[in-house]
């Protein structure tokens, strides 16, 4: 916080990199990949393990602090540090745990799909039985209608039944 002419100004401060980001040089991830020769996926890994600073404020593009990339390169110029290796190990363990959770969810979804397929099979069987029952009811209605008419004793009854079917 900075007080200037009786006004309080807040300057963003990055706890991870121990500096303010008020005058940071922001570049896109693709520009940083081209500038420093990194893969964009590697830059995303560095963002996830909090080695470089990213700004998610813009809806259309993610930008990163160019100085934080330079700091990362300078820290690891003489070789990879133990802290960096520990962060990567933690990152890999976290990703492994996420993959296990996804695999578990997919297994549960497969069981649910199998259950729905079984329910559909039962539904289809019940529907076919119901349609047969409806046909029987129509046939019975025709029989009852013929029984109530005067032609129930007539020889034409059989002929009427054949025609109405």
N, C-alpha and C. Protein backbone atom coordinates (compact mmCIF):
# COMPACT_ATOMS: atom_id res chain seq x y z
N UNK A 1 0.85 -1.16 0.00
CA UNK A 1 0.00 0.00 0.00
C UNK A 1 0.90 1.23 0.00
N UNK A 2 0.49 2.20 -0.77
CA UNK A 2 1.27 3.42 -0.92
C UNK A 2 0.33 4.60 -0.71
N UNK A 3 0.75 5.58 0.10
CA UNK A 3 -0.09 6.76 0.33
C UNK A 3 0.53 7.92 -0.44
N UNK A 4 -0.26 8.52 -1.33
CA UNK A 4 0.21 9.60 -2.17
C UNK A 4 -0.86 10.67 -2.22
N UNK A 5 -0.53 11.88 -1.76
CA UNK A 5 -1.44 13.03 -1.75
C UNK A 5 -2.78 12.67 -1.10
N UNK A 6 -2.70 12.11 0.11
CA UNK A 6 -3.87 11.73 0.90
C UNK A 6 -4.76 10.70 0.21
N UNK A 7 -4.22 9.98 -0.74
CA UNK A 7 -4.96 8.90 -1.40
C UNK A 7 -4.18 7.61 -1.19
N UNK A 8 -4.93 6.56 -0.96
CA UNK A 8 -4.30 5.25 -0.76
C UNK A 8 -4.28 4.52 -2.09
N UNK A 9 -3.10 4.10 -2.50
CA UNK A 9 -2.94 3.35 -3.75
C UNK A 9 -2.53 1.93 -3.39
N UNK A 10 -3.16 0.97 -4.00
CA UNK A 10 -2.81 -0.42 -3.79
C UNK A 10 -1.99 -0.91 -4.98
N UNK A 11 -0.82 -1.42 -4.71
CA UNK A 11 0.04 -1.95 -5.74
C UNK A 11 0.04 -3.47 -5.59
N UNK A 12 -0.29 -4.21 -6.66
CA UNK A 12 -0.29 -5.68 -6.56
C UNK A 12 1.10 -6.19 -6.18
N UNK A 13 1.10 -7.19 -5.32
CA UNK A 13 2.36 -7.75 -4.85
C UNK A 13 2.31 -9.26 -4.98
N UNK A 14 3.26 -9.83 -5.64
CA UNK A 14 3.31 -11.28 -5.84
C UNK A 14 4.08 -11.91 -4.69
N UNK A 15 3.38 -12.69 -3.87
CA UNK A 15 4.01 -13.32 -2.70
C UNK A 15 5.03 -14.35 -3.16
N UNK A 16 4.72 -15.09 -4.22
CA UNK A 16 5.61 -16.14 -4.71
C UNK A 16 6.94 -15.58 -5.18
N UNK A 17 6.89 -14.47 -5.91
CA UNK A 17 8.12 -13.94 -6.49
C UNK A 17 8.67 -12.73 -5.77
N UNK A 18 8.04 -12.33 -4.66
CA UNK A 18 8.53 -11.28 -3.77
C UNK A 18 8.78 -9.95 -4.48
N UNK A 19 7.81 -9.54 -5.31
CA UNK A 19 7.96 -8.25 -5.97
C UNK A 19 6.59 -7.74 -6.37
N UNK A 20 6.55 -6.46 -6.71
CA UNK A 20 5.29 -5.87 -7.16
C UNK A 20 5.12 -6.13 -8.65
N UNK A 21 3.87 -6.16 -9.08
CA UNK A 21 3.58 -6.39 -10.49
C UNK A 21 2.97 -5.15 -11.13
N UNK A 22 3.23 -3.99 -10.56
CA UNK A 22 2.62 -2.76 -11.07
C UNK A 22 3.14 -2.42 -12.46
N UNK A 23 4.41 -2.63 -12.72
CA UNK A 23 4.99 -2.27 -14.00
C UNK A 23 5.48 -3.52 -14.73
N UNK A 24 4.80 -4.62 -14.57
CA UNK A 24 5.23 -5.87 -15.18
C UNK A 24 5.07 -5.81 -16.70
N UNK A 25 5.93 -6.53 -17.38
CA UNK A 25 5.86 -6.66 -18.84
C UNK A 25 5.08 -7.94 -19.13
N UNK A 26 3.85 -7.78 -19.57
CA UNK A 26 2.97 -8.93 -19.80
C UNK A 26 3.03 -9.36 -21.26
N UNK A 27 3.19 -10.67 -21.49
CA UNK A 27 3.20 -11.22 -22.84
C UNK A 27 2.32 -12.47 -22.85
N UNK A 28 1.86 -12.85 -24.03
CA UNK A 28 1.02 -14.04 -24.13
C UNK A 28 1.89 -15.29 -23.96
N UNK A 29 1.25 -16.38 -23.67
CA UNK A 29 1.96 -17.64 -23.47
C UNK A 29 2.65 -18.08 -24.77
N UNK A 30 1.97 -17.88 -25.89
CA UNK A 30 2.55 -18.24 -27.18
C UNK A 30 3.78 -17.39 -27.49
N UNK A 31 3.73 -16.09 -27.17
CA UNK A 31 4.88 -15.22 -27.38
C UNK A 31 6.05 -15.64 -26.50
N UNK A 32 5.75 -16.01 -25.26
CA UNK A 32 6.81 -16.45 -24.35
C UNK A 32 7.43 -17.75 -24.85
N UNK A 33 6.60 -18.65 -25.36
CA UNK A 33 7.13 -19.92 -25.88
C UNK A 33 8.07 -19.67 -27.06
N UNK A 34 7.68 -18.77 -27.94
CA UNK A 34 8.54 -18.45 -29.08
C UNK A 34 9.80 -17.72 -28.64
N UNK A 35 9.68 -16.81 -27.70
CA UNK A 35 10.81 -15.98 -27.26
C UNK A 35 11.87 -16.80 -26.54
N UNK A 36 11.44 -17.74 -25.68
CA UNK A 36 12.39 -18.48 -24.85
C UNK A 36 12.62 -19.92 -25.32
N UNK A 37 11.92 -20.33 -26.37
CA UNK A 37 12.14 -21.68 -26.90
C UNK A 37 11.50 -22.77 -26.07
N UNK A 38 10.47 -22.46 -25.32
CA UNK A 38 9.76 -23.46 -24.52
C UNK A 38 8.51 -23.91 -25.27
N UNK A 39 8.04 -25.10 -24.94
CA UNK A 39 6.74 -25.56 -25.42
C UNK A 39 5.67 -24.85 -24.60
N UNK A 40 4.52 -24.57 -25.20
CA UNK A 40 3.44 -23.90 -24.45
C UNK A 40 2.96 -24.78 -23.30
N UNK A 41 2.97 -26.10 -23.49
CA UNK A 41 2.56 -27.00 -22.41
C UNK A 41 3.49 -26.89 -21.21
N UNK A 42 4.79 -26.72 -21.49
CA UNK A 42 5.77 -26.56 -20.41
C UNK A 42 5.52 -25.26 -19.65
N UNK A 43 5.16 -24.21 -20.37
CA UNK A 43 4.85 -22.94 -19.69
C UNK A 43 3.62 -23.12 -18.81
N UNK A 44 2.62 -23.88 -19.29
CA UNK A 44 1.45 -24.14 -18.44
C UNK A 44 1.83 -24.92 -17.19
N UNK A 45 2.76 -25.85 -17.31
CA UNK A 45 3.24 -26.59 -16.13
C UNK A 45 3.91 -25.61 -15.16
N UNK A 46 4.73 -24.71 -15.69
CA UNK A 46 5.39 -23.72 -14.83
C UNK A 46 4.36 -22.82 -14.14
N UNK A 47 3.29 -22.51 -14.83
CA UNK A 47 2.22 -21.71 -14.22
C UNK A 47 1.57 -22.50 -13.09
N UNK A 48 1.28 -23.79 -13.36
CA UNK A 48 0.60 -24.61 -12.35
C UNK A 48 1.45 -24.85 -11.11
N UNK A 49 2.75 -24.94 -11.29
CA UNK A 49 3.60 -25.12 -10.10
C UNK A 49 4.07 -23.79 -9.54
N UNK A 50 3.51 -22.70 -10.06
CA UNK A 50 3.72 -21.34 -9.57
C UNK A 50 5.18 -20.86 -9.67
N UNK A 51 5.81 -21.25 -10.75
CA UNK A 51 7.16 -20.77 -11.01
C UNK A 51 7.13 -19.44 -11.76
N UNK A 52 6.07 -19.22 -12.52
CA UNK A 52 5.91 -17.95 -13.23
C UNK A 52 4.52 -17.39 -12.94
N UNK A 53 4.39 -16.09 -13.11
CA UNK A 53 3.15 -15.38 -12.78
C UNK A 53 2.26 -15.27 -14.01
N UNK A 54 0.97 -15.55 -13.82
CA UNK A 54 0.00 -15.46 -14.90
C UNK A 54 -1.12 -14.50 -14.49
N UNK A 55 -1.73 -13.88 -15.50
CA UNK A 55 -2.86 -12.98 -15.25
C UNK A 55 -4.06 -13.53 -16.00
N UNK A 56 -5.09 -13.95 -15.25
CA UNK A 56 -6.30 -14.51 -15.85
C UNK A 56 -7.39 -13.46 -16.02
N UNK A 57 -7.07 -12.20 -15.86
CA UNK A 57 -8.08 -11.14 -15.87
C UNK A 57 -8.71 -10.93 -17.24
N UNK A 58 -7.97 -11.15 -18.28
CA UNK A 58 -8.51 -10.96 -19.63
C UNK A 58 -9.26 -12.21 -20.05
N UNK A 59 -10.43 -12.01 -20.60
CA UNK A 59 -11.28 -13.16 -20.96
C UNK A 59 -10.78 -13.86 -22.22
N UNK A 60 -10.16 -13.12 -23.13
CA UNK A 60 -9.80 -13.70 -24.42
C UNK A 60 -8.41 -14.34 -24.46
N UNK A 61 -7.52 -13.94 -23.56
CA UNK A 61 -6.14 -14.43 -23.61
C UNK A 61 -5.54 -14.47 -22.21
N UNK A 62 -4.71 -15.48 -21.97
CA UNK A 62 -3.96 -15.56 -20.71
C UNK A 62 -2.57 -14.98 -20.96
N UNK A 63 -2.16 -14.07 -20.10
CA UNK A 63 -0.85 -13.43 -20.26
C UNK A 63 0.00 -13.72 -19.03
N UNK A 64 1.30 -13.72 -19.25
CA UNK A 64 2.24 -14.00 -18.17
C UNK A 64 3.25 -12.87 -18.06
N UNK A 65 3.88 -12.80 -16.91
CA UNK A 65 4.87 -11.78 -16.63
C UNK A 65 6.21 -12.23 -17.23
N UNK A 66 6.72 -11.44 -18.15
CA UNK A 66 7.98 -11.77 -18.82
C UNK A 66 9.13 -11.83 -17.82
N UNK A 67 9.10 -10.96 -16.86
CA UNK A 67 10.18 -10.93 -15.86
C UNK A 67 10.20 -12.19 -15.01
N UNK A 68 9.02 -12.75 -14.74
CA UNK A 68 8.99 -13.98 -13.93
C UNK A 68 9.60 -15.16 -14.70
N UNK A 69 9.45 -15.17 -16.02
CA UNK A 69 10.10 -16.21 -16.81
C UNK A 69 11.62 -16.02 -16.77
N UNK A 70 12.06 -14.78 -16.89
CA UNK A 70 13.50 -14.51 -16.82
C UNK A 70 14.05 -14.90 -15.46
N UNK A 71 13.29 -14.61 -14.39
CA UNK A 71 13.73 -15.02 -13.04
C UNK A 71 13.84 -16.53 -12.94
N UNK A 72 12.88 -17.25 -13.51
CA UNK A 72 12.91 -18.71 -13.49
C UNK A 72 14.15 -19.23 -14.23
N UNK A 73 14.42 -18.66 -15.39
CA UNK A 73 15.60 -19.08 -16.17
C UNK A 73 16.88 -18.79 -15.39
N UNK A 74 16.97 -17.62 -14.75
CA UNK A 74 18.17 -17.27 -13.98
C UNK A 74 18.34 -18.18 -12.77
N UNK A 75 17.23 -18.52 -12.10
CA UNK A 75 17.33 -19.42 -10.93
C UNK A 75 17.85 -20.79 -11.32
N UNK A 76 17.50 -21.25 -12.52
CA UNK A 76 17.86 -22.60 -12.94
C UNK A 76 18.99 -22.62 -13.98
N UNK A 77 19.69 -21.50 -14.11
CA UNK A 77 20.78 -21.39 -15.10
C UNK A 77 21.91 -22.36 -14.79
N UNK A 78 22.26 -22.49 -13.52
CA UNK A 78 23.38 -23.34 -13.13
C UNK A 78 22.96 -24.81 -12.99
N UNK A 79 21.71 -25.06 -13.08
CA UNK A 79 21.19 -26.43 -12.93
C UNK A 79 19.85 -26.39 -12.22
N UNK A 80 19.17 -27.47 -12.28
CA UNK A 80 17.84 -27.55 -11.67
C UNK A 80 17.99 -27.58 -10.15
N UNK A 81 17.16 -26.80 -9.49
CA UNK A 81 17.23 -26.71 -8.03
C UNK A 81 16.37 -27.79 -7.39
N UNK A 82 16.66 -28.07 -6.14
CA UNK A 82 15.91 -29.06 -5.38
C UNK A 82 14.45 -28.62 -5.21
N UNK A 83 14.25 -27.33 -5.00
CA UNK A 83 12.89 -26.81 -4.83
C UNK A 83 12.07 -27.05 -6.11
N UNK A 84 12.69 -26.85 -7.26
CA UNK A 84 12.00 -27.07 -8.53
C UNK A 84 11.63 -28.54 -8.70
N UNK A 85 12.54 -29.42 -8.35
CA UNK A 85 12.27 -30.87 -8.45
C UNK A 85 11.14 -31.27 -7.51
N UNK A 86 11.16 -30.73 -6.29
CA UNK A 86 10.09 -31.04 -5.34
C UNK A 86 8.73 -30.55 -5.84
N UNK A 87 8.72 -29.37 -6.46
CA UNK A 87 7.47 -28.85 -7.02
C UNK A 87 6.97 -29.75 -8.14
N UNK A 88 7.89 -30.21 -9.01
CA UNK A 88 7.50 -31.10 -10.09
C UNK A 88 6.99 -32.44 -9.57
N UNK A 89 7.63 -32.96 -8.53
CA UNK A 89 7.16 -34.21 -7.92
C UNK A 89 5.75 -34.04 -7.36
N UNK A 90 5.53 -32.95 -6.66
CA UNK A 90 4.21 -32.67 -6.09
C UNK A 90 3.16 -32.53 -7.21
N UNK A 91 3.57 -31.84 -8.27
CA UNK A 91 2.69 -31.66 -9.43
C UNK A 91 2.31 -33.01 -10.03
N UNK A 92 3.30 -33.89 -10.21
CA UNK A 92 3.04 -35.22 -10.78
C UNK A 92 2.14 -36.05 -9.87
N UNK A 93 2.36 -35.97 -8.57
CA UNK A 93 1.51 -36.72 -7.64
C UNK A 93 0.07 -36.20 -7.69
N UNK A 94 -0.08 -34.89 -7.75
CA UNK A 94 -1.42 -34.30 -7.83
C UNK A 94 -2.13 -34.74 -9.12
N UNK A 95 -1.40 -34.69 -10.24
CA UNK A 95 -1.99 -35.09 -11.52
C UNK A 95 -2.34 -36.58 -11.51
N UNK A 96 -1.49 -37.38 -10.88
CA UNK A 96 -1.76 -38.82 -10.77
C UNK A 96 -3.03 -39.07 -9.96
N UNK A 97 -3.20 -38.32 -8.90
CA UNK A 97 -4.40 -38.44 -8.08
C UNK A 97 -5.65 -38.03 -8.87
N UNK A 98 -5.54 -36.96 -9.64
CA UNK A 98 -6.66 -36.52 -10.48
C UNK A 98 -7.01 -37.60 -11.50
N UNK A 99 -5.99 -38.21 -12.10
CA UNK A 99 -6.24 -39.28 -13.08
C UNK A 99 -6.94 -40.46 -12.41
N UNK A 100 -6.54 -40.80 -11.20
CA UNK A 100 -7.20 -41.89 -10.47
C UNK A 100 -8.67 -41.57 -10.21
N UNK A 101 -8.94 -40.33 -9.85
CA UNK A 101 -10.33 -39.92 -9.60
C UNK A 101 -11.14 -40.01 -10.89
N UNK A 102 -10.56 -39.55 -12.01
CA UNK A 102 -11.26 -39.63 -13.29
C UNK A 102 -11.51 -41.09 -13.68
N UNK A 103 -10.52 -41.95 -13.47
CA UNK A 103 -10.70 -43.37 -13.80
C UNK A 103 -11.82 -43.97 -12.96
N UNK A 104 -11.87 -43.60 -11.70
CA UNK A 104 -12.94 -44.08 -10.82
C UNK A 104 -14.31 -43.60 -11.31
N UNK A 105 -14.38 -42.32 -11.68
CA UNK A 105 -15.64 -41.77 -12.19
C UNK A 105 -16.08 -42.45 -13.48
N UNK A 106 -15.12 -42.72 -14.36
CA UNK A 106 -15.46 -43.41 -15.60
C UNK A 106 -15.97 -44.82 -15.34
N UNK A 107 -15.37 -45.50 -14.37
CA UNK A 107 -15.85 -46.83 -13.99
C UNK A 107 -17.28 -46.78 -13.47
N UNK A 108 -17.57 -45.77 -12.66
CA UNK A 108 -18.93 -45.62 -12.14
C UNK A 108 -19.91 -45.29 -13.25
N UNK A 109 -19.48 -44.47 -14.21
CA UNK A 109 -20.35 -44.15 -15.34
C UNK A 109 -20.63 -45.39 -16.19
N UNK A 110 -19.61 -46.25 -16.35
CA UNK A 110 -19.82 -47.50 -17.09
C UNK A 110 -20.84 -48.38 -16.40
N UNK A 111 -20.76 -48.47 -15.08
CA UNK A 111 -21.74 -49.26 -14.32
C UNK A 111 -23.14 -48.68 -14.49
N UNK A 112 -23.23 -47.35 -14.46
CA UNK A 112 -24.53 -46.69 -14.61
C UNK A 112 -25.09 -46.93 -16.01
N UNK A 113 -24.25 -46.87 -17.02
CA UNK A 113 -24.70 -47.12 -18.39
C UNK A 113 -25.18 -48.56 -18.53
N UNK A 114 -24.46 -49.50 -17.93
CA UNK A 114 -24.88 -50.90 -17.96
C UNK A 114 -26.23 -51.07 -17.28
N UNK A 115 -26.42 -50.38 -16.16
CA UNK A 115 -27.69 -50.45 -15.45
C UNK A 115 -28.82 -49.89 -16.32
N UNK A 116 -28.58 -48.77 -17.01
CA UNK A 116 -29.60 -48.19 -17.89
C UNK A 116 -29.91 -49.10 -19.07
N UNK A 117 -28.90 -49.78 -19.60
CA UNK A 117 -29.15 -50.72 -20.70
C UNK A 117 -30.04 -51.87 -20.22
N UNK A 118 -29.78 -52.36 -19.00
CA UNK A 118 -30.62 -53.42 -18.43
C UNK A 118 -32.04 -52.93 -18.22
N UNK A 119 -32.18 -51.70 -17.74
CA UNK A 119 -33.52 -51.14 -17.53
C UNK A 119 -34.24 -50.96 -18.87
N UNK A 120 -33.52 -50.57 -19.91
CA UNK A 120 -34.13 -50.42 -21.23
C UNK A 120 -34.60 -51.77 -21.75
N UNK A 121 -33.79 -52.80 -21.53
CA UNK A 121 -34.19 -54.14 -21.96
C UNK A 121 -35.49 -54.56 -21.26
N UNK A 122 -35.57 -54.33 -19.95
CA UNK A 122 -36.80 -54.64 -19.21
C UNK A 122 -37.97 -53.80 -19.70
N UNK A 123 -37.75 -52.54 -19.97
CA UNK A 123 -38.80 -51.65 -20.48
C UNK A 123 -39.32 -52.16 -21.82
N UNK A 124 -38.40 -52.55 -22.72
CA UNK A 124 -38.82 -53.06 -24.03
C UNK A 124 -39.64 -54.34 -23.89
N UNK A 125 -39.21 -55.22 -22.98
CA UNK A 125 -39.96 -56.47 -22.76
C UNK A 125 -41.36 -56.16 -22.21
N UNK A 126 -41.44 -55.25 -21.25
CA UNK A 126 -42.74 -54.88 -20.70
C UNK A 126 -43.62 -54.21 -21.75
N UNK A 127 -43.03 -53.40 -22.59
CA UNK A 127 -43.80 -52.72 -23.64
C UNK A 127 -44.37 -53.73 -24.63
N UNK A 128 -43.58 -54.71 -25.02
CA UNK A 128 -44.09 -55.72 -25.96
C UNK A 128 -45.21 -56.53 -25.31
N UNK A 129 -45.07 -56.86 -24.02
CA UNK A 129 -46.14 -57.58 -23.32
C UNK A 129 -47.39 -56.71 -23.22
N UNK A 130 -47.22 -55.44 -22.98
CA UNK A 130 -48.35 -54.53 -22.87
C UNK A 130 -49.08 -54.42 -24.21
N UNK A 131 -48.31 -54.33 -25.32
CA UNK A 131 -48.93 -54.25 -26.65
C UNK A 131 -49.70 -55.52 -26.97
N UNK A 132 -49.17 -56.69 -26.59
CA UNK A 132 -49.89 -57.95 -26.78
C UNK A 132 -51.19 -57.94 -25.97
N UNK A 133 -51.09 -57.44 -24.75
CA UNK A 133 -52.29 -57.37 -23.90
C UNK A 133 -53.33 -56.43 -24.51
N UNK A 134 -52.89 -55.32 -25.09
CA UNK A 134 -53.82 -54.40 -25.75
C UNK A 134 -54.51 -55.07 -26.93
N UNK A 135 -53.75 -55.86 -27.70
CA UNK A 135 -54.36 -56.60 -28.81
C UNK A 135 -55.40 -57.59 -28.29
N UNK A 136 -55.10 -58.27 -27.21
CA UNK A 136 -56.07 -59.21 -26.61
C UNK A 136 -57.32 -58.48 -26.15
N UNK A 137 -57.14 -57.30 -25.56
CA UNK A 137 -58.29 -56.52 -25.09
C UNK A 137 -59.17 -56.10 -26.27
N UNK A 138 -58.57 -55.66 -27.37
CA UNK A 138 -59.34 -55.29 -28.55
C UNK A 138 -60.13 -56.48 -29.08
N UNK A 139 -59.46 -57.62 -29.12
CA UNK A 139 -60.12 -58.85 -29.57
C UNK A 139 -61.29 -59.19 -28.64
N UNK A 140 -61.08 -59.06 -27.35
CA UNK A 140 -62.14 -59.35 -26.38
C UNK A 140 -63.30 -58.37 -26.53
N UNK A 141 -63.01 -57.11 -26.77
CA UNK A 141 -64.06 -56.12 -26.98
C UNK A 141 -64.90 -56.48 -28.21
N UNK A 142 -64.24 -56.93 -29.26
CA UNK A 142 -64.98 -57.34 -30.44
C UNK A 142 -65.86 -58.55 -30.14
N UNK A 143 -65.32 -59.48 -29.39
CA UNK A 143 -66.09 -60.68 -29.01
C UNK A 143 -67.30 -60.29 -28.18
N UNK A 144 -67.10 -59.39 -27.20
CA UNK A 144 -68.22 -58.96 -26.37
C UNK A 144 -69.25 -58.20 -27.17
N UNK A 145 -68.81 -57.40 -28.12
CA UNK A 145 -69.74 -56.66 -28.96
C UNK A 145 -70.57 -57.62 -29.80
N UNK A 146 -69.95 -58.68 -30.30
CA UNK A 146 -70.69 -59.66 -31.09
C UNK A 146 -71.64 -60.47 -30.22
N UNK A 147 -71.25 -60.76 -28.99
CA UNK A 147 -72.10 -61.51 -28.08
C UNK A 147 -73.37 -60.74 -27.75
N UNK A 148 -73.29 -59.42 -27.75
CA UNK A 148 -74.44 -58.61 -27.38
C UNK A 148 -75.35 -58.31 -28.57
N UNK A 149 -74.94 -58.65 -29.74
CA UNK A 149 -75.79 -58.42 -30.92
C UNK A 149 -76.67 -59.64 -31.16
N UNK A 150 -77.58 -59.51 -32.09
CA UNK A 150 -78.53 -60.59 -32.37
C UNK A 150 -77.91 -61.71 -33.18
N UNK A 151 -76.74 -61.44 -33.71
CA UNK A 151 -76.12 -62.47 -34.54
C UNK A 151 -75.22 -63.40 -33.75
N UNK A 152 -75.34 -63.43 -32.44
CA UNK A 152 -74.46 -64.28 -31.65
C UNK A 152 -74.68 -65.75 -31.91
N UNK A 153 -75.91 -66.11 -32.27
CA UNK A 153 -76.20 -67.52 -32.57
C UNK A 153 -76.15 -67.79 -34.07
N UNK A 154 -75.91 -66.75 -34.80
CA UNK A 154 -75.92 -66.84 -36.26
C UNK A 154 -74.66 -67.51 -36.78
N UNK A 155 -74.77 -68.15 -37.91
CA UNK A 155 -73.59 -68.76 -38.52
C UNK A 155 -72.64 -67.71 -39.08
N UNK A 156 -73.15 -66.49 -39.20
CA UNK A 156 -72.31 -65.42 -39.72
C UNK A 156 -71.35 -64.85 -38.66
N UNK A 157 -71.55 -65.32 -37.43
CA UNK A 157 -70.68 -64.82 -36.35
C UNK A 157 -69.23 -65.08 -36.66
N UNK A 158 -68.94 -66.28 -37.10
CA UNK A 158 -67.56 -66.60 -37.42
C UNK A 158 -67.04 -65.73 -38.56
N UNK A 159 -67.89 -65.50 -39.52
CA UNK A 159 -67.51 -64.66 -40.64
C UNK A 159 -67.28 -63.22 -40.18
N UNK A 160 -68.11 -62.69 -39.30
CA UNK A 160 -67.94 -61.34 -38.73
C UNK A 160 -66.63 -61.24 -37.96
N UNK A 161 -66.32 -62.28 -37.20
CA UNK A 161 -65.08 -62.27 -36.40
C UNK A 161 -63.85 -62.23 -37.32
N UNK A 162 -63.94 -62.96 -38.40
CA UNK A 162 -62.81 -62.97 -39.34
C UNK A 162 -62.66 -61.60 -39.98
N UNK A 163 -63.78 -60.96 -40.35
CA UNK A 163 -63.73 -59.66 -41.00
C UNK A 163 -63.24 -58.58 -40.03
N UNK A 164 -63.67 -58.61 -38.80
CA UNK A 164 -63.30 -57.57 -37.83
C UNK A 164 -61.87 -57.71 -37.34
N UNK A 165 -61.29 -58.85 -37.51
CA UNK A 165 -59.90 -58.99 -37.07
C UNK A 165 -59.03 -58.23 -38.00
